[in-house]
Amino acid sequence: MRLNIKVCPNSSRQEIQTDINGKIQKVFLKKPAKENKANIELEKLLSKYFKAKVKIIKGHTSKTKTIEVTR
C-alpha cells in the first residue's frame, strides 16, 4: 500500500492527523529535518501505527512524502 503524506517536522507535538474516513493527512514530528532525523522518526511512528514495515519511497528532502507499507 502506498500513501502520500504531508510531514511537519520540528513541531511541538508528535501526532498523526487523519480525516473523517481514517486516511492520514498530516504527521507532526518533534525531530528537526536535519541529518535525516525526521525521516527516521516518521518511519518508526508509522510502523507502530500500521504494525508493519514502512519505507519512504519518494520525497526524502520534501515535506510531501510517498510512503510504502508492507505487511
PDB file of N, CA and C in Angstrom:
ATOM      1  N   MET A   1       0.845  -1.167   0.000  1.00  0.00           N
ATOM      2  CA  MET A   1       0.000   0.000   0.000  1.00  0.00           C
ATOM      3  C   MET A   1       0.899   1.242   0.000  1.00  0.00           C
ATOM      4  N   ARG A   2       0.561   2.206  -0.840  1.00  0.00           N
ATOM      5  CA  ARG A   2       1.321   3.456  -0.904  1.00  0.00           C
ATOM      6  C   ARG A   2       0.446   4.623  -0.478  1.00  0.00           C
ATOM      7  N   LEU A   3       1.044   5.552   0.263  1.00  0.00           N
ATOM      8  CA  LEU A   3       0.339   6.726   0.764  1.00  0.00           C
ATOM      9  C   LEU A   3       1.147   7.981   0.478  1.00  0.00           C
ATOM     10  N   ASN A   4       0.448   9.080   0.235  1.00  0.00           N
ATOM     11  CA  ASN A   4       1.076  10.395   0.139  1.00  0.00           C
ATOM     12  C   ASN A   4       0.754  11.140   1.427  1.00  0.00           C
ATOM     13  N   ILE A   5       1.790  11.565   2.131  1.00  0.00           N
ATOM     14  CA  ILE A   5       1.630  12.166   3.445  1.00  0.00           C
ATOM     15  C   ILE A   5       2.389  13.485   3.497  1.00  0.00           C
ATOM     16  N   LYS A   6       1.797  14.471   4.162  1.00  0.00           N
ATOM     17  CA  LYS A   6       2.485  15.733   4.418  1.00  0.00           C
ATOM     18  C   LYS A   6       3.074  15.665   5.817  1.00  0.00           C
ATOM     19  N   VAL A   7       4.344  16.013   5.934  1.00  0.00           N
ATOM     20  CA  VAL A   7       5.065  15.926   7.195  1.00  0.00           C
ATOM     21  C   VAL A   7       5.407  17.323   7.687  1.00  0.00           C
ATOM     22  N   CYS A   8       5.191  17.558   8.978  1.00  0.00           N
ATOM     23  CA  CYS A   8       5.544  18.833   9.618  1.00  0.00           C
ATOM     24  C   CYS A   8       6.608  18.567  10.677  1.00  0.00           C
ATOM     25  N   PRO A   9       7.896  18.666  10.305  1.00  0.00           N
ATOM     26  CA  PRO A   9       8.965  18.411  11.276  1.00  0.00           C
ATOM     27  C   PRO A   9       9.140  19.593  12.229  1.00  0.00           C
ATOM     28  N   ASN A  10       9.883  19.332  13.305  1.00  0.00           N
ATOM     29  CA  ASN A  10      10.214  20.356  14.300  1.00  0.00           C
ATOM     30  C   ASN A  10       8.956  20.952  14.935  1.00  0.00           C
ATOM     31  N   SER A  11       7.965  20.122  15.165  1.00  0.00           N
ATOM     32  CA  SER A  11       6.711  20.545  15.777  1.00  0.00           C
ATOM     33  C   SER A  11       6.803  20.352  17.288  1.00  0.00           C
ATOM     34  N   SER A  12       5.888  20.948  18.004  1.00  0.00           N
ATOM     35  CA  SER A  12       5.879  20.794  19.456  1.00  0.00           C
ATOM     36  C   SER A  12       5.204  19.501  19.887  1.00  0.00           C
ATOM     37  N   ARG A  13       4.568  18.816  18.967  1.00  0.00           N
ATOM     38  CA  ARG A  13       3.864  17.565  19.285  1.00  0.00           C
ATOM     39  C   ARG A  13       4.232  16.481  18.281  1.00  0.00           C
ATOM     40  N   GLN A  14       3.952  15.255  18.662  1.00  0.00           N
ATOM     41  CA  GLN A  14       4.155  14.117  17.769  1.00  0.00           C
ATOM     42  C   GLN A  14       2.792  13.467  17.599  1.00  0.00           C
ATOM     43  N   GLU A  15       2.203  13.636  16.413  1.00  0.00           N
ATOM     44  CA  GLU A  15       0.816  13.242  16.214  1.00  0.00           C
ATOM     45  C   GLU A  15       0.563  12.866  14.760  1.00  0.00           C
ATOM     46  N   ILE A  16      -0.362  11.922  14.565  1.00  0.00           N
ATOM     47  CA  ILE A  16      -0.827  11.558  13.238  1.00  0.00           C
ATOM     48  C   ILE A  16      -2.230  12.123  13.086  1.00  0.00           C
ATOM     49  N   GLN A  17      -2.426  12.991  12.103  1.00  0.00           N
ATOM     50  CA  GLN A  17      -3.719  13.640  11.884  1.00  0.00           C
ATOM     51  C   GLN A  17      -4.422  12.947  10.722  1.00  0.00           C
ATOM     52  N   THR A  18      -5.659  12.491  10.963  1.00  0.00           N
ATOM     53  CA  THR A  18      -6.430  11.792   9.942  1.00  0.00           C
ATOM     54  C   THR A  18      -7.698  12.562   9.610  1.00  0.00           C
ATOM     55  N   ASP A  19      -8.309  12.228   8.463  1.00  0.00           N
ATOM     56  CA  ASP A  19      -9.591  12.830   8.107  1.00  0.00           C
ATOM     57  C   ASP A  19     -10.723  11.964   8.657  1.00  0.00           C
ATOM     58  N   ILE A  20     -11.948  12.252   8.288  1.00  0.00           N
ATOM     59  CA  ILE A  20     -13.120  11.538   8.797  1.00  0.00           C
ATOM     60  C   ILE A  20     -13.083  10.057   8.433  1.00  0.00           C
ATOM     61  N   ASN A  21     -12.552   9.728   7.272  1.00  0.00           N
ATOM     62  CA  ASN A  21     -12.505   8.343   6.799  1.00  0.00           C
ATOM     63  C   ASN A  21     -11.337   7.549   7.373  1.00  0.00           C
ATOM     64  N   GLY A  22     -10.466   8.181   8.133  1.00  0.00           N
ATOM     65  CA  GLY A  22      -9.320   7.499   8.709  1.00  0.00           C
ATOM     66  C   GLY A  22      -8.069   7.558   7.866  1.00  0.00           C
ATOM     67  N   LYS A  23      -8.101   8.292   6.770  1.00  0.00           N
ATOM     68  CA  LYS A  23      -6.931   8.435   5.898  1.00  0.00           C
ATOM     69  C   LYS A  23      -5.968   9.452   6.516  1.00  0.00           C
ATOM     70  N   ILE A  24      -4.693   9.115   6.545  1.00  0.00           N
ATOM     71  CA  ILE A  24      -3.687  10.007   7.127  1.00  0.00           C
ATOM     72  C   ILE A  24      -3.495  11.215   6.214  1.00  0.00           C
ATOM     73  N   GLN A  25      -3.557  12.412   6.819  1.00  0.00           N
ATOM     74  CA  GLN A  25      -3.348  13.628   6.046  1.00  0.00           C
ATOM     75  C   GLN A  25      -2.024  14.298   6.397  1.00  0.00           C
ATOM     76  N   LYS A  26      -1.762  14.469   7.700  1.00  0.00           N
ATOM     77  CA  LYS A  26      -0.538  15.109   8.155  1.00  0.00           C
ATOM     78  C   LYS A  26       0.061  14.313   9.296  1.00  0.00           C
ATOM     79  N   VAL A  27       1.381  14.403   9.392  1.00  0.00           N
ATOM     80  CA  VAL A  27       2.091  13.806  10.515  1.00  0.00           C
ATOM     81  C   VAL A  27       2.975  14.893  11.106  1.00  0.00           C
ATOM     82  N   PHE A  28       2.799  15.162  12.403  1.00  0.00           N
ATOM     83  CA  PHE A  28       3.603  16.140  13.116  1.00  0.00           C
ATOM     84  C   PHE A  28       4.712  15.402  13.857  1.00  0.00           C
ATOM     85  N   LEU A  29       5.950  15.861  13.677  1.00  0.00           N
ATOM     86  CA  LEU A  29       7.114  15.218  14.280  1.00  0.00           C
ATOM     87  C   LEU A  29       7.885  16.212  15.132  1.00  0.00           C
ATOM     88  N   LYS A  30       8.446  15.745  16.230  1.00  0.00           N
ATOM     89  CA  LYS A  30       9.226  16.610  17.116  1.00  0.00           C
ATOM     90  C   LYS A  30      10.647  16.834  16.606  1.00  0.00           C
ATOM     91  N   LYS A  31      11.184  15.858  15.909  1.00  0.00           N
ATOM     92  CA  LYS A  31      12.569  15.954  15.434  1.00  0.00           C
ATOM     93  C   LYS A  31      12.693  16.951  14.282  1.00  0.00           C
ATOM     94  N   PRO A  32      13.846  17.612  14.165  1.00  0.00           N
ATOM     95  CA  PRO A  32      14.060  18.524  13.035  1.00  0.00           C
ATOM     96  C   PRO A  32      14.369  17.752  11.760  1.00  0.00           C
ATOM     97  N   ALA A  33      14.290  18.441  10.648  1.00  0.00           N
ATOM     98  CA  ALA A  33      14.516  17.814   9.343  1.00  0.00           C
ATOM     99  C   ALA A  33      16.006  17.660   9.024  1.00  0.00           C
ATOM    100  N   LYS A  34      16.869  18.051   9.895  1.00  0.00           N
ATOM    101  CA  LYS A  34      18.309  17.951   9.655  1.00  0.00           C
ATOM    102  C   LYS A  34      18.813  16.542   9.913  1.00  0.00           C
ATOM    103  N   GLU A  35      19.810  16.136   9.129  1.00  0.00           N
ATOM    104  CA  GLU A  35      20.528  14.869   9.273  1.00  0.00           C
ATOM    105  C   GLU A  35      19.593  13.657   9.263  1.00  0.00           C
ATOM    106  N   ASN A  36      18.501  13.735   8.490  1.00  0.00           N
ATOM    107  CA  ASN A  36      17.582  12.613   8.282  1.00  0.00           C
ATOM    108  C   ASN A  36      16.833  12.189   9.556  1.00  0.00           C
ATOM    109  N   LYS A  37      16.857  13.008  10.607  1.00  0.00           N
ATOM    110  CA  LYS A  37      16.228  12.652  11.876  1.00  0.00           C
ATOM    111  C   LYS A  37      14.714  12.553  11.753  1.00  0.00           C
ATOM    112  N   ALA A  38      14.095  13.465  11.038  1.00  0.00           N
ATOM    113  CA  ALA A  38      12.637  13.448  10.891  1.00  0.00           C
ATOM    114  C   ALA A  38      12.184  12.240  10.077  1.00  0.00           C
ATOM    115  N   ASN A  39      12.924  11.868   9.057  1.00  0.00           N
ATOM    116  CA  ASN A  39      12.565  10.698   8.249  1.00  0.00           C
ATOM    117  C   ASN A  39      12.613   9.414   9.067  1.00  0.00           C
ATOM    118  N   ILE A  40      13.621   9.287   9.900  1.00  0.00           N
ATOM    119  CA  ILE A  40      13.744   8.098  10.747  1.00  0.00           C
ATOM    120  C   ILE A  40      12.596   8.046  11.753  1.00  0.00           C
ATOM    121  N   GLU A  41      12.281   9.187  12.351  1.00  0.00           N
ATOM    122  CA  GLU A  41      11.173   9.241  13.304  1.00  0.00           C
ATOM    123  C   GLU A  41       9.832   8.943  12.624  1.00  0.00           C
ATOM    124  N   LEU A  42       9.661   9.429  11.398  1.00  0.00           N
ATOM    125  CA  LEU A  42       8.443   9.162  10.638  1.00  0.00           C
ATOM    126  C   LEU A  42       8.271   7.671  10.380  1.00  0.00           C
ATOM    127  N   GLU A  43       9.331   6.998   9.952  1.00  0.00           N
ATOM    128  CA  GLU A  43       9.253   5.560   9.696  1.00  0.00           C
ATOM    129  C   GLU A  43       8.925   4.787  10.967  1.00  0.00           C
ATOM    130  N   LYS A  44       9.516   5.162  12.099  1.00  0.00           N
ATOM    131  CA  LYS A  44       9.236   4.482  13.365  1.00  0.00           C
ATOM    132  C   LYS A  44       7.794   4.701  13.808  1.00  0.00           C
ATOM    133  N   LEU A  45       7.319   5.931  13.718  1.00  0.00           N
ATOM    134  CA  LEU A  45       5.963   6.263  14.144  1.00  0.00           C
ATOM    135  C   LEU A  45       4.920   5.547  13.295  1.00  0.00           C
ATOM    136  N   LEU A  46       5.102   5.555  11.984  1.00  0.00           N
ATOM    137  CA  LEU A  46       4.132   4.906  11.103  1.00  0.00           C
ATOM    138  C   LEU A  46       4.201   3.381  11.184  1.00  0.00           C
ATOM    139  N   SER A  47       5.377   2.833  11.467  1.00  0.00           N
ATOM    140  CA  SER A  47       5.451   1.381  11.622  1.00  0.00           C
ATOM    141  C   SER A  47       4.712   0.926  12.874  1.00  0.00           C
ATOM    142  N   LYS A  48       4.720   1.733  13.921  1.00  0.00           N
ATOM    143  CA  LYS A  48       3.916   1.428  15.108  1.00  0.00           C
ATOM    144  C   LYS A  48       2.426   1.575  14.804  1.00  0.00           C
ATOM    145  N   TYR A  49       2.078   2.597  14.053  1.00  0.00           N
ATOM    146  CA  TYR A  49       0.673   2.871  13.721  1.00  0.00           C
ATOM    147  C   TYR A  49       0.073   1.751  12.875  1.00  0.00           C
ATOM    148  N   PHE A  50       0.799   1.312  11.855  1.00  0.00           N
ATOM    149  CA  PHE A  50       0.296   0.273  10.954  1.00  0.00           C
ATOM    150  C   PHE A  50       0.650  -1.143  11.410  1.00  0.00           C
ATOM    151  N   LYS A  51       1.571  -1.262  12.372  1.00  0.00           N
ATOM    152  CA  LYS A  51       2.095  -2.558  12.807  1.00  0.00           C
ATOM    153  C   LYS A  51       2.643  -3.339  11.612  1.00  0.00           C
ATOM    154  N   ALA A  52       3.418  -2.635  10.799  1.00  0.00           N
ATOM    155  CA  ALA A  52       4.011  -3.202   9.590  1.00  0.00           C
ATOM    156  C   ALA A  52       5.283  -2.426   9.257  1.00  0.00           C
ATOM    157  N   LYS A  53       6.010  -2.914   8.264  1.00  0.00           N
ATOM    158  CA  LYS A  53       7.232  -2.248   7.824  1.00  0.00           C
ATOM    159  C   LYS A  53       6.876  -1.057   6.940  1.00  0.00           C
ATOM    160  N   VAL A  54       7.507   0.084   7.207  1.00  0.00           N
ATOM    161  CA  VAL A  54       7.240   1.323   6.472  1.00  0.00           C
ATOM    162  C   VAL A  54       8.550   1.828   5.875  1.00  0.00           C
ATOM    163  N   LYS A  55       8.473   2.270   4.616  1.00  0.00           N
ATOM    164  CA  LYS A  55       9.661   2.775   3.919  1.00  0.00           C
ATOM    165  C   LYS A  55       9.284   4.016   3.117  1.00  0.00           C
ATOM    166  N   ILE A  56      10.139   5.033   3.150  1.00  0.00           N
ATOM    167  CA  ILE A  56       9.928   6.240   2.347  1.00  0.00           C
ATOM    168  C   ILE A  56      10.404   5.939   0.932  1.00  0.00           C
ATOM    169  N   ILE A  57       9.501   6.067  -0.030  1.00  0.00           N
ATOM    170  CA  ILE A  57       9.814   5.784  -1.426  1.00  0.00           C
ATOM    171  C   ILE A  57      10.265   7.050  -2.148  1.00  0.00           C
ATOM    172  N   LYS A  58       9.594   8.152  -1.875  1.00  0.00           N
ATOM    173  CA  LYS A  58       9.827   9.390  -2.610  1.00  0.00           C
ATOM    174  C   LYS A  58       9.667  10.568  -1.659  1.00  0.00           C
ATOM    175  N   GLY A  59      10.485  11.600  -1.836  1.00  0.00           N
ATOM    176  CA  GLY A  59      10.354  12.822  -1.060  1.00  0.00           C
ATOM    177  C   GLY A  59      11.227  12.868   0.175  1.00  0.00           C
ATOM    178  N   HIS A  60      12.431  12.327   0.094  1.00  0.00           N
ATOM    179  CA  HIS A  60      13.323  12.319   1.260  1.00  0.00           C
ATOM    180  C   HIS A  60      13.674  13.724   1.734  1.00  0.00           C
ATOM    181  N   THR A  61      13.705  14.697   0.843  1.00  0.00           N
ATOM    182  CA  THR A  61      14.048  16.070   1.227  1.00  0.00           C
ATOM    183  C   THR A  61      12.856  17.011   1.134  1.00  0.00           C
ATOM    184  N   SER A  62      11.676  16.471   0.919  1.00  0.00           N
ATOM    185  CA  SER A  62      10.465  17.274   0.769  1.00  0.00           C
ATOM    186  C   SER A  62       9.540  17.049   1.961  1.00  0.00           C
ATOM    187  N   LYS A  63       8.605  17.973   2.167  1.00  0.00           N
ATOM    188  CA  LYS A  63       7.610  17.792   3.229  1.00  0.00           C
ATOM    189  C   LYS A  63       6.499  16.841   2.801  1.00  0.00           C
ATOM    190  N   THR A  64       6.297  16.672   1.502  1.00  0.00           N
ATOM    191  CA  THR A  64       5.323  15.717   0.983  1.00  0.00           C
ATOM    192  C   THR A  64       6.067  14.442   0.608  1.00  0.00           C
ATOM    193  N   LYS A  65       5.683  13.337   1.228  1.00  0.00           N
ATOM    194  CA  LYS A  65       6.399  12.087   1.043  1.00  0.00           C
ATOM    195  C   LYS A  65       5.477  10.983   0.562  1.00  0.00           C
ATOM    196  N   THR A  66       6.029  10.057  -0.192  1.00  0.00           N
ATOM    197  CA  THR A  66       5.313   8.859  -0.611  1.00  0.00           C
ATOM    198  C   THR A  66       5.859   7.716   0.241  1.00  0.00           C
ATOM    199  N   ILE A  67       4.951   7.057   0.946  1.00  0.00           N
ATOM    200  CA  ILE A  67       5.302   6.010   1.892  1.00  0.00           C
ATOM    201  C   ILE A  67       4.775   4.671   1.378  1.00  0.00           C
ATOM    202  N   GLU A  68       5.572   3.613   1.543  1.00  0.00           N
ATOM    203  CA  GLU A  68       5.112   2.277   1.195  1.00  0.00           C
ATOM    204  C   GLU A  68       5.017   1.454   2.477  1.00  0.00           C
ATOM    205  N   VAL A  69       3.854   0.838   2.688  1.00  0.00           N
ATOM    206  CA  VAL A  69       3.611  -0.004   3.848  1.00  0.00           C
ATOM    207  C   VAL A  69       3.521  -1.442   3.372  1.00  0.00           C
ATOM    208  N   THR A  70       4.381  -2.310   3.922  1.00  0.00           N
ATOM    209  CA  THR A  70       4.364  -3.727   3.565  1.00  0.00           C
ATOM    210  C   THR A  70       4.048  -4.539   4.812  1.00  0.00           C
ATOM    211  N   ARG A  71       3.165  -5.476   4.672  1.00  0.00           N
ATOM    212  CA  ARG A  71       2.767  -6.307   5.821  1.00  0.00           C
ATOM    213  C   ARG A  71       3.404  -7.650   5.770  1.00  0.00           C
TER     214      ARG A  71
END
